[in-house]
Amino acid sequence: MSLDPQIDVLLAKLAAGGEPAPESRTVQENRDLASSLATLAGDVEPVGSVHDAVATAEGLEVPVRIYAPATVRRSGPLPVTVFFHGGGWVLGDLDSQDHIARITANRSGTIVVSVDYRLAPEHRFPAAIEDAYAALTWVAANAESFGGDGNNIAVFGESAGGNLAAVLVQEAQRRGGPRIALQVLAYPAVDRFDDSPSMYENMAGPLLSRSWLEWFWGLYLNTPDEGADPRVSPARSDEPAGLPPAVIVTAEHDPLRDQGDRYARKLADADVPVIHLPIKGATHAFFSFTGSVQLSRDVLNQLGDAVAAAFND
């Protein structure tokens, strides 16, 4: 299937700049690029409140941003969605996907805690997952302080953040908690050694090319063999049974498509409840385009509805 027409128009505008390939840029140049793309999200969606905090747990201090929904749909403490931004473990921050946190808070009716985990190459694996687990344990222990319910937690990650969310639920299972009610994975990277057809069909992108993906892996990992670690490649874990229900989004025109598809099947085969949303016409990172692409907003709303449904009494 061809690209979604609105995505096609947007990509044509982005390509008109004639910029060099991302993998040929410096880390800072790519971080600046990621920051500039935040404008594609459209107008800022109002929420009930936003404030920054520091999650102190597991001997770490992790910056977080806490979003309360504009409309409170239940009495008492609200469920919490812990969100991890994308950016290949190298790019992104609390501002780069602020729109996803806002839309999710309002659509799901949960409090969203966005996590500013440490980035590579300054902080390589396993720093990001250590921060993710610390933030999760902090939320579970301290949710009451911001109106949340530490016993009702979902995790949501986009791209590299989807990798962290998938790893996190496995890590929580290994460590005996905290309990996670739902994992939402948007076009996640789940297998470092994936060599499936989508890696070739979409080798040149759009948006995420295979060469840029290799650039990210090279900056994130300390050694190539770390790719076999389930904390890097959660699809390679041999313990999927008992994981929380999952909602997995894959994009048709994405090199990561097939590994996401396979992970959804692996979880389902282990009797984990799975909703798999294969999005036709979409590219990697299409949630960044909510300002002008209706498909992006529609699918993100679907995910918000799925989080809401997970906590319906």
Protein backbone atom coordinates (compact mmCIF):
# COMPACT_ATOMS: atom_id res chain seq x y z
CA MET A 1 0.00 0.00 0.00
CA SER A 2 1.17 3.54 -0.69
CA LEU A 3 1.89 6.09 1.99
CA ASP A 4 -0.99 7.83 3.71
CA PRO A 5 -1.59 10.93 1.52
CA GLN A 6 -1.08 13.40 4.37
CA ILE A 7 2.14 11.69 5.42
CA ASP A 8 3.30 11.73 1.80
CA VAL A 9 2.76 15.50 1.57
CA LEU A 10 4.57 16.09 4.85
CA LEU A 11 7.56 13.95 3.87
CA ALA A 12 7.84 15.79 0.56
CA LYS A 13 8.08 19.08 2.45
CA LEU A 14 10.73 17.68 4.78
CA ALA A 15 12.76 16.31 1.86
CA ALA A 16 12.67 19.66 0.07
CA GLY A 17 15.29 20.99 2.48
CA GLY A 18 17.96 18.73 0.97
CA GLU A 19 19.55 18.01 4.34
CA PRO A 20 22.35 15.41 4.67
CA ALA A 21 21.52 11.87 5.79
CA PRO A 22 20.99 11.70 9.57
CA GLU A 23 23.62 8.98 10.03
CA SER A 24 26.22 11.38 8.60
CA ARG A 25 25.42 14.05 11.19
CA THR A 26 26.84 14.50 14.65
CA VAL A 27 24.88 13.50 17.74
CA GLN A 28 24.15 17.15 18.54
CA GLU A 29 23.02 17.90 15.00
CA ASN A 30 20.56 15.03 15.17
CA ARG A 31 19.35 16.16 18.59
CA ASP A 32 18.71 19.61 17.16
CA LEU A 33 16.85 18.00 14.26
CA ALA A 34 14.67 16.00 16.65
CA SER A 35 13.86 19.14 18.61
CA SER A 36 12.88 21.00 15.44
CA LEU A 37 10.48 18.23 14.41
CA ALA A 38 8.44 18.83 17.58
CA THR A 39 6.67 21.60 15.64
CA LEU A 40 4.99 18.90 13.51
CA ALA A 41 2.84 17.95 16.50
CA GLY A 42 0.56 20.96 16.06
CA ASP A 43 -0.99 23.16 18.72
CA VAL A 44 -0.33 22.37 22.37
CA GLU A 45 -3.26 20.46 23.86
CA PRO A 46 -4.34 21.84 27.26
CA VAL A 47 -4.31 19.41 30.18
CA GLY A 48 -5.38 19.71 33.81
CA SER A 49 -1.88 20.44 35.09
CA VAL A 50 1.77 19.85 34.27
CA HIS A 51 4.69 19.87 36.64
CA ASP A 52 8.25 18.58 36.70
CA ALA A 53 9.62 16.37 39.45
CA VAL A 54 12.52 14.04 40.19
CA ALA A 55 11.96 10.32 40.62
CA THR A 56 14.38 9.21 43.31
CA ALA A 57 14.65 5.43 43.53
CA GLU A 58 17.12 2.58 43.06
CA GLY A 59 19.94 5.00 43.92
CA LEU A 60 19.11 7.19 40.93
CA GLU A 61 17.52 10.59 40.34
CA VAL A 62 15.46 10.63 37.16
CA PRO A 63 13.71 13.79 35.90
CA VAL A 64 10.04 13.27 35.11
CA ARG A 65 7.12 15.42 33.97
CA ILE A 66 3.67 14.73 35.37
CA TYR A 67 0.50 15.46 33.37
CA ALA A 68 -2.98 15.37 34.87
CA PRO A 69 -5.89 14.99 32.43
CA ALA A 70 -8.10 17.97 31.66
CA THR A 71 -11.20 16.01 32.68
CA VAL A 72 -11.27 13.69 35.68
CA ARG A 73 -13.64 10.80 35.04
CA ARG A 74 -13.51 9.00 38.37
CA SER A 75 -13.30 9.74 42.06
CA GLY A 76 -10.20 8.95 44.05
CA PRO A 77 -6.65 8.37 42.79
CA LEU A 78 -6.19 8.04 39.03
CA PRO A 79 -4.34 5.27 37.22
CA VAL A 80 -0.88 6.23 35.99
CA THR A 81 0.67 5.81 32.55
CA VAL A 82 4.48 5.88 32.57
CA PHE A 83 5.65 7.16 29.18
CA PHE A 84 9.01 6.77 27.44
CA HIS A 85 9.83 8.98 24.44
CA GLY A 86 11.50 7.73 21.28
CA GLY A 87 14.74 8.83 19.64
CA GLY A 88 16.94 5.78 19.34
CA TRP A 89 18.14 6.03 22.96
CA VAL A 90 20.19 9.02 21.70
CA LEU A 91 17.69 11.78 20.88
CA GLY A 92 14.64 13.28 22.57
CA ASP A 93 13.68 14.66 25.94
CA LEU A 94 10.61 15.73 27.93
CA ASP A 95 9.76 18.36 25.31
CA SER A 96 10.21 16.36 22.11
CA GLN A 97 7.07 14.26 22.61
CA ASP A 98 5.17 16.45 25.01
CA HIS A 99 2.17 16.19 22.66
CA ILE A 100 1.96 12.41 23.06
CA ALA A 101 1.90 12.72 26.84
CA ARG A 102 -0.81 15.39 26.70
CA ILE A 103 -3.04 13.52 24.26
CA THR A 104 -2.64 10.29 26.22
CA ALA A 105 -3.49 11.94 29.54
CA ASN A 106 -6.67 13.49 28.19
CA ARG A 107 -7.81 10.53 26.11
CA SER A 108 -7.08 7.85 28.73
CA GLY A 109 -8.07 9.82 31.80
CA THR A 110 -4.85 8.71 33.47
CA ILE A 111 -2.02 10.72 34.95
CA VAL A 112 0.94 10.49 32.58
CA VAL A 113 4.48 10.46 33.97
CA SER A 114 6.95 11.14 31.16
CA VAL A 115 10.47 9.91 31.90
CA ASP A 116 13.64 11.81 30.94
CA TYR A 117 15.94 8.78 30.93
CA ARG A 118 19.66 9.14 30.31
CA LEU A 119 20.76 9.15 26.67
CA ALA A 120 23.61 7.50 24.78
CA PRO A 121 26.41 7.86 23.90
CA GLU A 122 27.08 9.74 27.13
CA HIS A 123 25.20 7.00 28.99
CA ARG A 124 25.14 3.71 27.13
CA PHE A 125 23.20 0.54 27.90
CA PRO A 126 21.94 -0.26 30.52
CA ALA A 127 21.55 3.33 31.80
CA ALA A 128 18.21 3.95 30.05
CA ILE A 129 16.55 0.81 31.39
CA GLU A 130 17.96 1.44 34.86
CA ASP A 131 16.31 4.87 34.77
CA ALA A 132 13.09 3.36 33.44
CA TYR A 133 12.90 0.85 36.28
CA ALA A 134 13.75 3.51 38.86
CA ALA A 135 10.96 5.73 37.54
CA LEU A 136 8.51 2.83 37.65
CA THR A 137 9.34 1.97 41.26
CA TRP A 138 9.11 5.64 42.23
CA VAL A 139 5.67 5.95 40.64
CA ALA A 140 4.47 2.81 42.42
CA ALA A 141 5.66 4.15 45.77
CA ASN A 142 4.81 7.84 45.35
CA ALA A 143 1.80 8.06 43.04
CA GLU A 144 -0.45 9.15 45.90
CA SER A 145 1.59 12.38 46.23
CA PHE A 146 0.37 13.53 42.78
CA GLY A 147 -3.12 12.05 42.83
CA GLY A 148 -2.22 8.72 41.25
CA ASP A 149 -2.83 5.10 42.10
CA GLY A 150 0.45 3.18 42.37
CA ASN A 151 -1.41 -0.10 42.07
CA ASN A 152 -2.80 0.75 38.64
CA ILE A 153 0.07 1.45 36.25
CA ALA A 154 0.40 1.20 32.47
CA VAL A 155 3.62 1.72 30.52
CA PHE A 156 3.71 3.31 27.07
CA GLY A 157 6.74 3.68 24.85
CA GLU A 158 7.32 4.96 21.32
CA SER A 159 10.14 3.56 19.12
CA ALA A 160 13.20 3.29 21.42
CA GLY A 161 10.81 4.13 24.23
CA GLY A 162 8.76 1.12 23.09
CA ASN A 163 11.91 -0.95 23.52
CA LEU A 164 12.27 0.37 27.07
CA ALA A 165 8.62 -0.30 27.88
CA ALA A 166 8.85 -3.87 26.55
CA VAL A 167 12.04 -4.48 28.51
CA LEU A 168 10.57 -2.87 31.61
CA VAL A 169 7.63 -5.23 31.90
CA GLN A 170 10.02 -8.16 31.64
CA GLU A 171 12.34 -6.61 34.21
CA ALA A 172 9.44 -6.00 36.60
CA GLN A 173 8.43 -9.64 36.21
CA ARG A 174 11.98 -10.81 36.96
CA ARG A 175 12.27 -8.55 39.99
CA GLY A 176 8.82 -9.31 41.37
CA GLY A 177 7.26 -5.91 40.68
CA PRO A 178 5.98 -3.29 40.55
CA ARG A 179 2.85 -4.65 38.92
CA ILE A 180 2.06 -3.32 35.45
CA ALA A 181 -1.49 -3.61 34.13
CA LEU A 182 -0.83 -2.85 30.44
CA GLN A 183 2.08 -2.36 28.05
CA VAL A 184 1.59 -0.12 25.01
CA LEU A 185 4.34 -0.41 22.41
CA ALA A 186 4.35 1.90 19.40
CA TYR A 187 6.55 0.63 16.52
CA PRO A 188 9.07 -0.68 19.05
CA ALA A 189 12.61 -1.94 18.46
CA VAL A 190 12.57 -5.37 20.07
CA ASP A 191 15.27 -7.40 18.27
CA ARG A 192 18.77 -6.06 17.61
CA PHE A 193 19.53 -8.88 15.17
CA ASP A 194 16.34 -8.69 13.14
CA ASP A 195 16.94 -9.49 9.47
CA SER A 196 13.35 -9.83 8.31
CA PRO A 197 11.85 -8.64 4.98
CA SER A 198 10.76 -5.25 6.32
CA MET A 199 14.40 -4.42 7.08
CA TYR A 200 15.05 -4.67 3.34
CA GLU A 201 11.75 -3.33 1.99
CA ASN A 202 12.24 -0.15 4.04
CA MET A 203 16.02 -0.08 4.08
CA ALA A 204 16.06 3.50 2.80
CA GLY A 205 13.17 4.66 4.97
CA PRO A 206 11.16 6.81 4.79
CA LEU A 207 12.24 8.52 8.01
CA LEU A 208 14.03 5.61 9.68
CA SER A 209 16.56 3.96 7.37
CA ARG A 210 18.50 0.83 8.18
CA SER A 211 21.77 2.78 8.19
CA TRP A 212 20.37 5.30 10.67
CA LEU A 213 19.11 2.42 12.82
CA GLU A 214 22.65 1.01 12.86
CA TRP A 215 23.94 4.46 13.87
CA PHE A 216 21.62 4.38 16.88
CA TRP A 217 22.57 0.84 17.89
CA GLY A 218 26.26 1.72 17.64
CA LEU A 219 25.85 4.61 20.05
CA TYR A 220 23.58 2.78 22.49
CA LEU A 221 25.46 -0.50 22.98
CA ASN A 222 28.90 -0.96 24.49
CA THR A 223 29.68 -4.10 22.49
CA PRO A 224 27.86 -5.84 19.61
CA ASP A 225 27.14 -8.98 21.63
CA GLU A 226 24.96 -6.99 24.05
CA GLY A 227 22.29 -7.19 21.36
CA ALA A 228 21.46 -10.73 22.53
CA ASP A 229 20.65 -9.51 26.05
CA PRO A 230 16.85 -9.54 26.60
CA ARG A 231 17.24 -6.08 28.17
CA VAL A 232 18.27 -4.94 24.68
CA SER A 233 16.20 -7.35 22.58
CA PRO A 234 13.08 -8.22 24.58
CA ALA A 235 11.83 -10.40 21.70
CA ARG A 236 14.72 -12.75 22.50
CA SER A 237 13.49 -13.41 26.02
CA ASP A 238 12.42 -17.01 26.62
CA GLU A 239 10.08 -15.98 29.45
CA PRO A 240 7.12 -14.17 27.82
CA ALA A 241 4.43 -16.05 29.79
CA GLY A 242 2.73 -14.03 32.50
CA LEU A 243 3.57 -10.62 31.06
CA PRO A 244 0.84 -7.96 31.19
CA PRO A 245 -1.58 -7.47 28.29
CA ALA A 246 -0.09 -5.63 25.34
CA VAL A 247 -1.18 -3.20 22.66
CA ILE A 248 1.36 -3.14 19.84
CA VAL A 249 1.34 -0.70 16.91
CA THR A 250 3.39 -1.44 13.81
CA ALA A 251 3.75 0.78 10.74
CA GLU A 252 3.67 -0.59 7.20
CA HIS A 253 6.59 1.48 5.88
CA ASP A 254 8.98 0.86 8.79
CA PRO A 255 12.07 -1.37 8.93
CA LEU A 256 10.94 -2.40 12.43
CA ARG A 257 7.54 -3.61 11.23
CA ASP A 258 8.21 -7.34 11.09
CA GLN A 259 9.93 -7.59 14.45
CA GLY A 260 6.96 -5.87 16.04
CA ASP A 261 4.62 -8.27 14.26
CA ARG A 262 6.62 -11.26 15.47
CA TYR A 263 6.73 -9.99 19.03
CA ALA A 264 2.96 -9.62 19.06
CA ARG A 265 2.64 -13.22 17.90
CA LYS A 266 5.19 -14.44 20.46
CA LEU A 267 3.25 -12.83 23.30
CA ALA A 268 -0.04 -14.20 22.01
CA ASP A 269 1.48 -17.69 21.73
CA ALA A 270 2.45 -17.39 25.41
CA ASP A 271 -1.20 -16.59 26.25
CA VAL A 272 -0.54 -12.91 26.84
CA PRO A 273 -3.59 -10.90 25.70
CA VAL A 274 -2.48 -8.85 22.70
CA ILE A 275 -4.12 -6.20 20.54
CA HIS A 276 -2.00 -5.74 17.42
CA LEU A 277 -2.64 -2.66 15.30
CA PRO A 278 -0.81 -2.90 11.94
CA ILE A 279 -1.21 0.58 10.46
CA LYS A 280 -1.35 0.74 6.68
CA GLY A 281 0.25 3.73 4.99
CA ALA A 282 2.20 4.72 8.11
CA THR A 283 5.91 5.26 8.63
CA HIS A 284 8.11 4.96 11.64
CA ALA A 285 7.59 7.85 14.08
CA PHE A 286 4.23 8.83 12.57
CA PHE A 287 2.95 9.87 16.01
CA SER A 288 5.14 12.94 15.60
CA PHE A 289 2.81 14.21 12.85
CA THR A 290 -0.40 14.90 14.80
CA GLY A 291 -0.40 18.52 13.62
CA SER A 292 -1.29 17.67 10.02
CA VAL A 293 -1.87 13.91 9.75
CA GLN A 294 -5.25 12.64 10.87
CA LEU A 295 -4.06 9.03 10.88
CA SER A 296 -1.49 9.91 13.53
CA ARG A 297 -4.07 11.47 15.80
CA ASP A 298 -6.60 8.69 15.21
CA VAL A 299 -4.21 5.88 16.16
CA LEU A 300 -2.87 7.78 19.16
CA ASN A 301 -6.47 8.24 20.31
CA GLN A 302 -6.99 4.48 19.92
CA LEU A 303 -4.10 3.89 22.27
CA GLY A 304 -5.52 6.33 24.78
CA ASP A 305 -8.83 4.49 24.63
CA ALA A 306 -7.04 1.16 25.17
CA VAL A 307 -5.35 2.53 28.29
CA ALA A 308 -8.68 3.83 29.57
CA ALA A 309 -10.29 0.44 28.95
CA ALA A 310 -7.57 -1.34 30.93
CA PHE A 311 -8.64 0.53 34.06
CA ASN A 312 -12.41 0.48 33.62
CA ASP A 313 -14.05 -0.93 36.72
